[in-house]
All heavy atoms as atom14 arrays in JSON, in Angstrom:
{
  "sequence": "EAVTAESLDAPHAAAPIATPGPAVAPPPRFSGQVTQGPASSDSLYVRL",
  "atom14_mask": [
    [1, 1, 1, 1, 1, 1, 1, 1, 1, 0, 0, 0, 0, 0],
    [1, 1, 1, 1, 1, 0, 0, 0, 0, 0, 0, 0, 0, 0],
    [1, 1, 1, 1, 1, 1, 1, 0, 0, 0, 0, 0, 0, 0],
    [1, 1, 1, 1, 1, 1, 1, 0, 0, 0, 0, 0, 0, 0],
    [1, 1, 1, 1, 1, 0, 0, 0, 0, 0, 0, 0, 0, 0],
    [1, 1, 1, 1, 1, 1, 1, 1, 1, 0, 0, 0, 0, 0],
    [1, 1, 1, 1, 1, 1, 0, 0, 0, 0, 0, 0, 0, 0],
    [1, 1, 1, 1, 1, 1, 1, 1, 0, 0, 0, 0, 0, 0],
    [1, 1, 1, 1, 1, 1, 1, 1, 0, 0, 0, 0, 0, 0],
    [1, 1, 1, 1, 1, 0, 0, 0, 0, 0, 0, 0, 0, 0],
    [1, 1, 1, 1, 1, 1, 1, 0, 0, 0, 0, 0, 0, 0],
    [1, 1, 1, 1, 1, 1, 1, 1, 1, 1, 0, 0, 0, 0],
    [1, 1, 1, 1, 1, 0, 0, 0, 0, 0, 0, 0, 0, 0],
    [1, 1, 1, 1, 1, 0, 0, 0, 0, 0, 0, 0, 0, 0],
    [1, 1, 1, 1, 1, 0, 0, 0, 0, 0, 0, 0, 0, 0],
    [1, 1, 1, 1, 1, 1, 1, 0, 0, 0, 0, 0, 0, 0],
    [1, 1, 1, 1, 1, 1, 1, 1, 0, 0, 0, 0, 0, 0],
    [1, 1, 1, 1, 1, 0, 0, 0, 0, 0, 0, 0, 0, 0],
    [1, 1, 1, 1, 1, 1, 1, 0, 0, 0, 0, 0, 0, 0],
    [1, 1, 1, 1, 1, 1, 1, 0, 0, 0, 0, 0, 0, 0],
    [1, 1, 1, 1, 0, 0, 0, 0, 0, 0, 0, 0, 0, 0],
    [1, 1, 1, 1, 1, 1, 1, 0, 0, 0, 0, 0, 0, 0],
    [1, 1, 1, 1, 1, 0, 0, 0, 0, 0, 0, 0, 0, 0],
    [1, 1, 1, 1, 1, 1, 1, 0, 0, 0, 0, 0, 0, 0],
    [1, 1, 1, 1, 1, 0, 0, 0, 0, 0, 0, 0, 0, 0],
    [1, 1, 1, 1, 1, 1, 1, 0, 0, 0, 0, 0, 0, 0],
    [1, 1, 1, 1, 1, 1, 1, 0, 0, 0, 0, 0, 0, 0],
    [1, 1, 1, 1, 1, 1, 1, 0, 0, 0, 0, 0, 0, 0],
    [1, 1, 1, 1, 1, 1, 1, 1, 1, 1, 1, 0, 0, 0],
    [1, 1, 1, 1, 1, 1, 1, 1, 1, 1, 1, 0, 0, 0],
    [1, 1, 1, 1, 1, 1, 0, 0, 0, 0, 0, 0, 0, 0],
    [1, 1, 1, 1, 0, 0, 0, 0, 0, 0, 0, 0, 0, 0],
    [1, 1, 1, 1, 1, 1, 1, 1, 1, 0, 0, 0, 0, 0],
    [1, 1, 1, 1, 1, 1, 1, 0, 0, 0, 0, 0, 0, 0],
    [1, 1, 1, 1, 1, 1, 1, 0, 0, 0, 0, 0, 0, 0],
    [1, 1, 1, 1, 1, 1, 1, 1, 1, 0, 0, 0, 0, 0],
    [1, 1, 1, 1, 0, 0, 0, 0, 0, 0, 0, 0, 0, 0],
    [1, 1, 1, 1, 1, 1, 1, 0, 0, 0, 0, 0, 0, 0],
    [1, 1, 1, 1, 1, 0, 0, 0, 0, 0, 0, 0, 0, 0],
    [1, 1, 1, 1, 1, 1, 0, 0, 0, 0, 0, 0, 0, 0],
    [1, 1, 1, 1, 1, 1, 0, 0, 0, 0, 0, 0, 0, 0],
    [1, 1, 1, 1, 1, 1, 1, 1, 0, 0, 0, 0, 0, 0],
    [1, 1, 1, 1, 1, 1, 0, 0, 0, 0, 0, 0, 0, 0],
    [1, 1, 1, 1, 1, 1, 1, 1, 0, 0, 0, 0, 0, 0],
    [1, 1, 1, 1, 1, 1, 1, 1, 1, 1, 1, 1, 0, 0],
    [1, 1, 1, 1, 1, 1, 1, 0, 0, 0, 0, 0, 0, 0],
    [1, 1, 1, 1, 1, 1, 1, 1, 1, 1, 1, 0, 0, 0],
    [1, 1, 1, 1, 1, 1, 1, 1, 0, 0, 0, 0, 0, 0]
  ],
  "atom14_positions": [
    [[-19.19, -13.15, 9.54], [-20.12, -13.47, 8.47], [-20.07, -12.39, 7.41], [-19.66, -11.25, 7.66], [-21.54, -13.58, 9.03], [-21.7, -14.72, 10.04], [-23.13, -14.83, 10.53], [-23.95, -14.0, 10.11], [-23.42, -15.73, 11.34], [0.0, 0.0, 0.0], [0.0, 0.0, 0.0], [0.0, 0.0, 0.0], [0.0, 0.0, 0.0], [0.0, 0.0, 0.0]],
    [[-20.47, -12.76, 6.2], [-20.48, -11.81, 5.11], [-21.49, -10.69, 5.38], [-22.56, -10.92, 5.92], [-20.85, -12.52, 3.81], [0.0, 0.0, 0.0], [0.0, 0.0, 0.0], [0.0, 0.0, 0.0], [0.0, 0.0, 0.0], [0.0, 0.0, 0.0], [0.0, 0.0, 0.0], [0.0, 0.0, 0.0], [0.0, 0.0, 0.0], [0.0, 0.0, 0.0]],
    [[-21.11, -9.45, 5.03], [-22.01, -8.32, 5.19], [-23.06, -8.37, 4.08], [-22.74, -8.54, 2.91], [-21.23, -7.0, 5.11], [-22.15, -5.81, 5.23], [-20.17, -6.97, 6.21], [0.0, 0.0, 0.0], [0.0, 0.0, 0.0], [0.0, 0.0, 0.0], [0.0, 0.0, 0.0], [0.0, 0.0, 0.0], [0.0, 0.0, 0.0], [0.0, 0.0, 0.0]],
    [[-24.32, -8.24, 4.43], [-25.4, -8.29, 3.45], [-26.23, -7.02, 3.52], [-26.24, -6.31, 4.53], [-26.3, -9.51, 3.68], [-26.87, -9.43, 4.99], [-25.5, -10.8, 3.57], [0.0, 0.0, 0.0], [0.0, 0.0, 0.0], [0.0, 0.0, 0.0], [0.0, 0.0, 0.0], [0.0, 0.0, 0.0], [0.0, 0.0, 0.0], [0.0, 0.0, 0.0]],
    [[-26.96, -6.76, 2.43], [-27.84, -5.61, 2.37], [-29.2, -6.06, 1.88], [-29.28, -6.92, 1.0], [-27.26, -4.55, 1.43], [0.0, 0.0, 0.0], [0.0, 0.0, 0.0], [0.0, 0.0, 0.0], [0.0, 0.0, 0.0], [0.0, 0.0, 0.0], [0.0, 0.0, 0.0], [0.0, 0.0, 0.0], [0.0, 0.0, 0.0], [0.0, 0.0, 0.0]],
    [[-30.26, -5.51, 2.44], [-31.6, -5.92, 2.06], [-32.52, -4.72, 2.02], [-32.49, -3.87, 2.92], [-32.13, -6.95, 3.08], [-33.49, -7.49, 2.72], [-33.94, -8.57, 3.7], [-33.17, -8.91, 4.61], [-35.07, -9.04, 3.55], [0.0, 0.0, 0.0], [0.0, 0.0, 0.0], [0.0, 0.0, 0.0], [0.0, 0.0, 0.0], [0.0, 0.0, 0.0]],
    [[-33.3, -4.63, 0.97], [-34.25, -3.54, 0.84], [-35.4, -3.73, 1.81], [-35.9, -4.85, 2.02], [-34.79, -3.49, -0.59], [-35.85, -2.58, -0.68], [0.0, 0.0, 0.0], [0.0, 0.0, 0.0], [0.0, 0.0, 0.0], [0.0, 0.0, 0.0], [0.0, 0.0, 0.0], [0.0, 0.0, 0.0], [0.0, 0.0, 0.0], [0.0, 0.0, 0.0]],
    [[-35.85, -2.64, 2.46], [-36.96, -2.72, 3.4], [-38.28, -2.98, 2.69], [-39.24, -3.44, 3.3], [-37.05, -1.43, 4.2], [-35.83, -1.12, 5.09], [-36.04, 0.22, 5.8], [-35.59, -2.24, 6.1], [0.0, 0.0, 0.0], [0.0, 0.0, 0.0], [0.0, 0.0, 0.0], [0.0, 0.0, 0.0], [0.0, 0.0, 0.0], [0.0, 0.0, 0.0]],
    [[-38.33, -2.68, 1.4], [-39.59, -2.82, 0.67], [-39.69, -4.15, -0.06], [-40.77, -4.52, -0.52], [-39.72, -1.69, -0.36], [-39.73, -0.34, 0.33], [-40.23, -0.25, 1.45], [-39.18, 0.61, -0.27], [0.0, 0.0, 0.0], [0.0, 0.0, 0.0], [0.0, 0.0, 0.0], [0.0, 0.0, 0.0], [0.0, 0.0, 0.0], [0.0, 0.0, 0.0]],
    [[-38.59, -4.87, -0.24], [-38.63, -6.08, -1.05], [-38.47, -7.3, -0.18], [-37.63, -7.33, 0.72], [-37.52, -6.06, -2.1], [0.0, 0.0, 0.0], [0.0, 0.0, 0.0], [0.0, 0.0, 0.0], [0.0, 0.0, 0.0], [0.0, 0.0, 0.0], [0.0, 0.0, 0.0], [0.0, 0.0, 0.0], [0.0, 0.0, 0.0], [0.0, 0.0, 0.0]],
    [[-39.28, -8.37, -0.42], [-39.2, -9.57, 0.39], [-38.13, -10.56, -0.06], [-37.97, -11.6, 0.53], [-40.59, -10.18, 0.21], [-40.98, -9.79, -1.17], [-40.39, -8.43, -1.37], [0.0, 0.0, 0.0], [0.0, 0.0, 0.0], [0.0, 0.0, 0.0], [0.0, 0.0, 0.0], [0.0, 0.0, 0.0], [0.0, 0.0, 0.0], [0.0, 0.0, 0.0]],
    [[-37.36, -10.25, -1.18], [-36.43, -11.22, -1.71], [-35.2, -11.35, -0.81], [-34.95, -10.52, 0.05], [-35.99, -10.82, -3.13], [-35.36, -9.47, -3.2], [-36.09, -8.33, -3.42], [-34.08, -9.08, -3.04], [-35.28, -7.29, -3.43], [-34.04, -7.73, -3.18], [0.0, 0.0, 0.0], [0.0, 0.0, 0.0], [0.0, 0.0, 0.0], [0.0, 0.0, 0.0]],
    [[-34.4, -12.4, -1.04], [-33.24, -12.69, -0.2], [-32.19, -11.61, -0.32], [-32.05, -10.97, -1.37], [-32.63, -14.04, -0.6], [0.0, 0.0, 0.0], [0.0, 0.0, 0.0], [0.0, 0.0, 0.0], [0.0, 0.0, 0.0], [0.0, 0.0, 0.0], [0.0, 0.0, 0.0], [0.0, 0.0, 0.0], [0.0, 0.0, 0.0], [0.0, 0.0, 0.0]],
    [[-31.46, -11.42, 0.75], [-30.41, -10.4, 0.76], [-29.24, -10.84, -0.1], [-28.95, -12.02, -0.25], [-29.93, -10.16, 2.2], [0.0, 0.0, 0.0], [0.0, 0.0, 0.0], [0.0, 0.0, 0.0], [0.0, 0.0, 0.0], [0.0, 0.0, 0.0], [0.0, 0.0, 0.0], [0.0, 0.0, 0.0], [0.0, 0.0, 0.0], [0.0, 0.0, 0.0]],
    [[-28.51, -9.86, -0.67], [-27.35, -10.13, -1.52], [-26.1, -9.56, -0.86], [-26.15, -8.48, -0.26], [-27.54, -9.48, -2.88], [0.0, 0.0, 0.0], [0.0, 0.0, 0.0], [0.0, 0.0, 0.0], [0.0, 0.0, 0.0], [0.0, 0.0, 0.0], [0.0, 0.0, 0.0], [0.0, 0.0, 0.0], [0.0, 0.0, 0.0], [0.0, 0.0, 0.0]],
    [[-25.0, -10.27, -0.92], [-23.76, -9.76, -0.3], [-23.24, -8.54, -1.04], [-23.4, -8.4, -2.24], [-22.79, -10.93, -0.42], [-23.31, -11.72, -1.57], [-24.8, -11.57, -1.55], [0.0, 0.0, 0.0], [0.0, 0.0, 0.0], [0.0, 0.0, 0.0], [0.0, 0.0, 0.0], [0.0, 0.0, 0.0], [0.0, 0.0, 0.0], [0.0, 0.0, 0.0]],
    [[-22.63, -7.65, -0.27], [-22.03, -6.44, -0.83], [-20.6, -6.75, -1.2], [-19.81, -7.22, -0.37], [-22.09, -5.28, 0.17], [-23.54, -4.93, 0.49], [-21.35, -4.06, -0.38], [-23.67, -3.84, 1.52], [0.0, 0.0, 0.0], [0.0, 0.0, 0.0], [0.0, 0.0, 0.0], [0.0, 0.0, 0.0], [0.0, 0.0, 0.0], [0.0, 0.0, 0.0]],
    [[-20.21, -6.49, -2.45], [-18.84, -6.75, -2.89], [-17.92, -5.65, -2.39], [-18.26, -4.47, -2.46], [-18.79, -6.82, -4.41], [0.0, 0.0, 0.0], [0.0, 0.0, 0.0], [0.0, 0.0, 0.0], [0.0, 0.0, 0.0], [0.0, 0.0, 0.0], [0.0, 0.0, 0.0], [0.0, 0.0, 0.0], [0.0, 0.0, 0.0], [0.0, 0.0, 0.0]],
    [[-16.82, -6.03, -1.85], [-15.84, -5.05, -1.38], [-14.57, -5.18, -2.21], [-14.1, -6.29, -2.47], [-15.49, -5.28, 0.1], [-15.04, -6.62, 0.25], [-16.72, -5.06, 0.97], [0.0, 0.0, 0.0], [0.0, 0.0, 0.0], [0.0, 0.0, 0.0], [0.0, 0.0, 0.0], [0.0, 0.0, 0.0], [0.0, 0.0, 0.0], [0.0, 0.0, 0.0]],
    [[-14.02, -4.07, -2.66], [-12.81, -4.16, -3.49], [-11.62, -4.66, -2.7], [-11.52, -4.46, -1.49], [-12.61, -2.71, -3.95], [-13.25, -1.89, -2.88], [-14.43, -2.7, -2.39], [0.0, 0.0, 0.0], [0.0, 0.0, 0.0], [0.0, 0.0, 0.0], [0.0, 0.0, 0.0], [0.0, 0.0, 0.0], [0.0, 0.0, 0.0], [0.0, 0.0, 0.0]],
    [[-10.69, -5.32, -3.39], [-9.47, -5.8, -2.75], [-8.5, -4.65, -2.54], [-8.71, -3.53, -3.01], [0.0, 0.0, 0.0], [0.0, 0.0, 0.0], [0.0, 0.0, 0.0], [0.0, 0.0, 0.0], [0.0, 0.0, 0.0], [0.0, 0.0, 0.0], [0.0, 0.0, 0.0], [0.0, 0.0, 0.0], [0.0, 0.0, 0.0], [0.0, 0.0, 0.0]],
    [[-7.44, -4.9, -1.81], [-6.47, -3.84, -1.53], [-5.78, -3.37, -2.8], [-5.44, -4.15, -3.67], [-5.46, -4.52, -0.59], [-5.62, -5.99, -0.88], [-7.06, -6.18, -1.25], [0.0, 0.0, 0.0], [0.0, 0.0, 0.0], [0.0, 0.0, 0.0], [0.0, 0.0, 0.0], [0.0, 0.0, 0.0], [0.0, 0.0, 0.0], [0.0, 0.0, 0.0]],
    [[-5.61, -2.07, -2.9], [-4.95, -1.5, -4.08], [-3.45, -1.72, -3.99], [-2.86, -1.68, -2.92], [-5.25, -0.01, -4.17], [0.0, 0.0, 0.0], [0.0, 0.0, 0.0], [0.0, 0.0, 0.0], [0.0, 0.0, 0.0], [0.0, 0.0, 0.0], [0.0, 0.0, 0.0], [0.0, 0.0, 0.0], [0.0, 0.0, 0.0], [0.0, 0.0, 0.0]],
    [[-2.83, -1.99, -5.12], [-1.38, -2.17, -5.18], [-0.75, -0.85, -5.58], [-1.05, -0.29, -6.63], [-1.0, -3.26, -6.2], [0.51, -3.37, -6.3], [-1.6, -4.6, -5.79], [0.0, 0.0, 0.0], [0.0, 0.0, 0.0], [0.0, 0.0, 0.0], [0.0, 0.0, 0.0], [0.0, 0.0, 0.0], [0.0, 0.0, 0.0], [0.0, 0.0, 0.0]],
    [[0.1, -0.34, -4.71], [0.74, 0.96, -4.97], [1.75, 0.83, -6.09], [2.52, -0.13, -6.13], [1.43, 1.46, -3.7], [0.0, 0.0, 0.0], [0.0, 0.0, 0.0], [0.0, 0.0, 0.0], [0.0, 0.0, 0.0], [0.0, 0.0, 0.0], [0.0, 0.0, 0.0], [0.0, 0.0, 0.0], [0.0, 0.0, 0.0], [0.0, 0.0, 0.0]],
    [[1.77, 1.79, -7.03], [2.78, 1.74, -8.09], [4.15, 2.04, -7.52], [4.27, 2.67, -6.48], [2.32, 2.85, -9.04], [1.57, 3.81, -8.17], [0.9, 2.97, -7.13], [0.0, 0.0, 0.0], [0.0, 0.0, 0.0], [0.0, 0.0, 0.0], [0.0, 0.0, 0.0], [0.0, 0.0, 0.0], [0.0, 0.0, 0.0], [0.0, 0.0, 0.0]],
    [[5.21, 1.59, -8.19], [6.56, 1.88, -7.7], [6.8, 3.38, -7.63], [6.42, 4.12, -8.53], [7.47, 1.23, -8.76], [6.62, 0.2, -9.41], [5.24, 0.76, -9.39], [0.0, 0.0, 0.0], [0.0, 0.0, 0.0], [0.0, 0.0, 0.0], [0.0, 0.0, 0.0], [0.0, 0.0, 0.0], [0.0, 0.0, 0.0], [0.0, 0.0, 0.0]],
    [[7.38, 3.88, -6.53], [7.63, 5.32, -6.44], [8.7, 5.75, -7.43], [9.61, 4.99, -7.74], [8.13, 5.48, -4.99], [8.71, 4.15, -4.66], [7.88, 3.15, -5.37], [0.0, 0.0, 0.0], [0.0, 0.0, 0.0], [0.0, 0.0, 0.0], [0.0, 0.0, 0.0], [0.0, 0.0, 0.0], [0.0, 0.0, 0.0], [0.0, 0.0, 0.0]],
    [[8.57, 6.95, -7.92], [9.56, 7.51, -8.85], [10.27, 8.65, -8.12], [9.64, 9.58, -7.64], [8.89, 8.0, -10.12], [8.18, 6.9, -10.9], [7.7, 7.4, -12.25], [8.81, 7.74, -13.12], [9.46, 6.87, -13.88], [9.13, 5.6, -13.87], [10.46, 7.26, -14.64], [0.0, 0.0, 0.0], [0.0, 0.0, 0.0], [0.0, 0.0, 0.0]],
    [[11.58, 8.56, -8.06], [12.36, 9.57, -7.37], [12.76, 10.68, -8.35], [12.93, 10.45, -9.54], [13.6, 8.94, -6.75], [13.29, 7.81, -5.8], [13.83, 6.56, -6.0], [12.45, 8.0, -4.73], [13.55, 5.52, -5.15], [12.15, 6.97, -3.87], [12.71, 5.73, -4.08], [0.0, 0.0, 0.0], [0.0, 0.0, 0.0], [0.0, 0.0, 0.0]],
    [[12.95, 11.86, -7.79], [13.27, 13.02, -8.63], [14.72, 13.01, -9.09], [15.06, 13.68, -10.05], [13.0, 14.3, -7.84], [13.88, 14.4, -6.72], [0.0, 0.0, 0.0], [0.0, 0.0, 0.0], [0.0, 0.0, 0.0], [0.0, 0.0, 0.0], [0.0, 0.0, 0.0], [0.0, 0.0, 0.0], [0.0, 0.0, 0.0], [0.0, 0.0, 0.0]],
    [[15.57, 12.28, -8.42], [17.0, 12.31, -8.74], [17.71, 13.48, -8.1], [18.87, 13.77, -8.43], [0.0, 0.0, 0.0], [0.0, 0.0, 0.0], [0.0, 0.0, 0.0], [0.0, 0.0, 0.0], [0.0, 0.0, 0.0], [0.0, 0.0, 0.0], [0.0, 0.0, 0.0], [0.0, 0.0, 0.0], [0.0, 0.0, 0.0], [0.0, 0.0, 0.0]],
    [[17.04, 14.15, -7.15], [17.68, 15.27, -6.47], [18.86, 14.77, -5.63], [18.73, 13.81, -4.87], [16.68, 15.99, -5.57], [17.27, 17.16, -4.8], [16.25, 17.86, -3.93], [15.07, 17.5, -3.93], [16.68, 18.86, -3.19], [0.0, 0.0, 0.0], [0.0, 0.0, 0.0], [0.0, 0.0, 0.0], [0.0, 0.0, 0.0], [0.0, 0.0, 0.0]],
    [[19.98, 15.43, -5.78], [21.19, 15.07, -5.05], [21.39, 16.03, -3.89], [21.33, 17.24, -4.06], [22.43, 15.1, -5.97], [23.7, 14.81, -5.18], [22.26, 14.1, -7.1], [0.0, 0.0, 0.0], [0.0, 0.0, 0.0], [0.0, 0.0, 0.0], [0.0, 0.0, 0.0], [0.0, 0.0, 0.0], [0.0, 0.0, 0.0], [0.0, 0.0, 0.0]],
    [[21.6, 15.47, -2.7], [21.89, 16.27, -1.51], [23.39, 16.22, -1.25], [23.99, 15.14, -1.24], [21.14, 15.72, -0.29], [19.74, 15.72, -0.57], [21.41, 16.58, 0.93], [0.0, 0.0, 0.0], [0.0, 0.0, 0.0], [0.0, 0.0, 0.0], [0.0, 0.0, 0.0], [0.0, 0.0, 0.0], [0.0, 0.0, 0.0], [0.0, 0.0, 0.0]],
    [[23.98, 17.37, -1.06], [25.42, 17.43, -0.83], [25.71, 17.44, 0.66], [25.27, 18.32, 1.4], [26.03, 18.68, -1.48], [27.54, 18.78, -1.31], [28.28, 17.65, -2.01], [28.13, 17.46, -3.21], [29.08, 16.91, -1.26], [0.0, 0.0, 0.0], [0.0, 0.0, 0.0], [0.0, 0.0, 0.0], [0.0, 0.0, 0.0], [0.0, 0.0, 0.0]],
    [[26.47, 16.46, 1.12], [26.91, 16.39, 2.5], [28.41, 16.41, 2.56], [29.1, 16.52, 1.55], [0.0, 0.0, 0.0], [0.0, 0.0, 0.0], [0.0, 0.0, 0.0], [0.0, 0.0, 0.0], [0.0, 0.0, 0.0], [0.0, 0.0, 0.0], [0.0, 0.0, 0.0], [0.0, 0.0, 0.0], [0.0, 0.0, 0.0], [0.0, 0.0, 0.0]],
    [[28.97, 16.26, 3.76], [30.43, 16.28, 3.9], [31.05, 14.98, 3.38], [30.48, 13.9, 3.54], [30.65, 16.42, 5.41], [29.4, 15.84, 6.02], [28.29, 16.17, 5.07], [0.0, 0.0, 0.0], [0.0, 0.0, 0.0], [0.0, 0.0, 0.0], [0.0, 0.0, 0.0], [0.0, 0.0, 0.0], [0.0, 0.0, 0.0], [0.0, 0.0, 0.0]],
    [[32.19, 15.1, 2.75], [32.93, 13.92, 2.32], [33.6, 13.27, 3.53], [33.84, 13.92, 4.54], [33.97, 14.28, 1.27], [0.0, 0.0, 0.0], [0.0, 0.0, 0.0], [0.0, 0.0, 0.0], [0.0, 0.0, 0.0], [0.0, 0.0, 0.0], [0.0, 0.0, 0.0], [0.0, 0.0, 0.0], [0.0, 0.0, 0.0], [0.0, 0.0, 0.0]],
    [[33.88, 11.98, 3.41], [34.45, 11.24, 4.53], [35.82, 10.7, 4.14], [36.06, 10.33, 2.99], [33.54, 10.07, 4.92], [34.18, 9.22, 5.84], [0.0, 0.0, 0.0], [0.0, 0.0, 0.0], [0.0, 0.0, 0.0], [0.0, 0.0, 0.0], [0.0, 0.0, 0.0], [0.0, 0.0, 0.0], [0.0, 0.0, 0.0], [0.0, 0.0, 0.0]],
    [[36.71, 10.63, 5.13], [38.03, 10.06, 4.9], [38.19, 8.73, 5.64], [39.3, 8.34, 5.99], [39.11, 11.05, 5.36], [38.95, 11.36, 6.74], [0.0, 0.0, 0.0], [0.0, 0.0, 0.0], [0.0, 0.0, 0.0], [0.0, 0.0, 0.0], [0.0, 0.0, 0.0], [0.0, 0.0, 0.0], [0.0, 0.0, 0.0], [0.0, 0.0, 0.0]],
    [[37.05, 8.06, 5.91], [37.08, 6.79, 6.64], [37.87, 5.74, 5.87], [38.01, 5.81, 4.64], [35.66, 6.29, 6.89], [34.91, 7.17, 7.88], [35.59, 7.94, 8.59], [33.68, 7.09, 7.93], [0.0, 0.0, 0.0], [0.0, 0.0, 0.0], [0.0, 0.0, 0.0], [0.0, 0.0, 0.0], [0.0, 0.0, 0.0], [0.0, 0.0, 0.0]],
    [[38.37, 4.75, 6.59], [39.24, 3.73, 6.01], [38.49, 2.45, 5.7], [37.37, 2.22, 6.19], [40.39, 3.43, 6.98], [41.16, 4.58, 7.22], [0.0, 0.0, 0.0], [0.0, 0.0, 0.0], [0.0, 0.0, 0.0], [0.0, 0.0, 0.0], [0.0, 0.0, 0.0], [0.0, 0.0, 0.0], [0.0, 0.0, 0.0], [0.0, 0.0, 0.0]],
    [[39.13, 1.6, 4.93], [38.59, 0.29, 4.58], [39.05, -0.75, 5.59], [40.23, -0.79, 5.97], [39.05, -0.12, 3.19], [38.51, 0.7, 2.01], [39.27, 0.32, 0.75], [37.02, 0.46, 1.83], [0.0, 0.0, 0.0], [0.0, 0.0, 0.0], [0.0, 0.0, 0.0], [0.0, 0.0, 0.0], [0.0, 0.0, 0.0], [0.0, 0.0, 0.0]],
    [[38.1, -1.59, 6.04], [38.4, -2.7, 6.93], [37.71, -3.95, 6.39], [36.79, -3.86, 5.57], [37.89, -2.43, 8.35], [38.61, -1.32, 9.08], [38.23, 0.01, 8.92], [39.67, -1.6, 9.94], [38.87, 1.03, 9.6], [40.33, -0.59, 10.63], [39.93, 0.72, 10.46], [40.58, 1.74, 11.13], [0.0, 0.0, 0.0], [0.0, 0.0, 0.0]],
    [[38.13, -5.09, 6.89], [37.41, -6.34, 6.66], [36.84, -6.77, 8.0], [37.6, -7.02, 8.95], [38.32, -7.44, 6.08], [37.58, -8.78, 6.03], [38.78, -7.04, 4.68], [0.0, 0.0, 0.0], [0.0, 0.0, 0.0], [0.0, 0.0, 0.0], [0.0, 0.0, 0.0], [0.0, 0.0, 0.0], [0.0, 0.0, 0.0], [0.0, 0.0, 0.0]],
    [[35.53, -6.83, 8.08], [34.85, -7.18, 9.32], [34.57, -8.67, 9.33], [34.05, -9.24, 8.36], [33.55, -6.39, 9.44], [32.78, -6.64, 10.71], [31.48, -5.87, 10.72], [31.71, -4.43, 10.8], [30.75, -3.52, 10.71], [29.49, -3.91, 10.49], [31.03, -2.24, 10.81], [0.0, 0.0, 0.0], [0.0, 0.0, 0.0], [0.0, 0.0, 0.0]],
    [[34.89, -9.32, 10.46], [34.67, -10.76, 10.6], [33.38, -11.03, 11.38], [32.55, -10.14, 11.53], [35.88, -11.39, 11.29], [37.25, -11.12, 10.65], [38.34, -11.92, 11.35], [37.24, -11.42, 9.16], [0.0, 0.0, 0.0], [0.0, 0.0, 0.0], [0.0, 0.0, 0.0], [0.0, 0.0, 0.0], [0.0, 0.0, 0.0], [0.0, 0.0, 0.0]]
  ]
}
């Protein structure tokens, strides 16, 4: 059921509490930092 809130001093009907929707994360921005690793001499194949 919807969550409601009611004042202890007021006899009027309770009102639902609005809850915000999920926030949408902005696209991450990368620094462009390059990590240097070992070069590879692996060969080309066609995989079936």
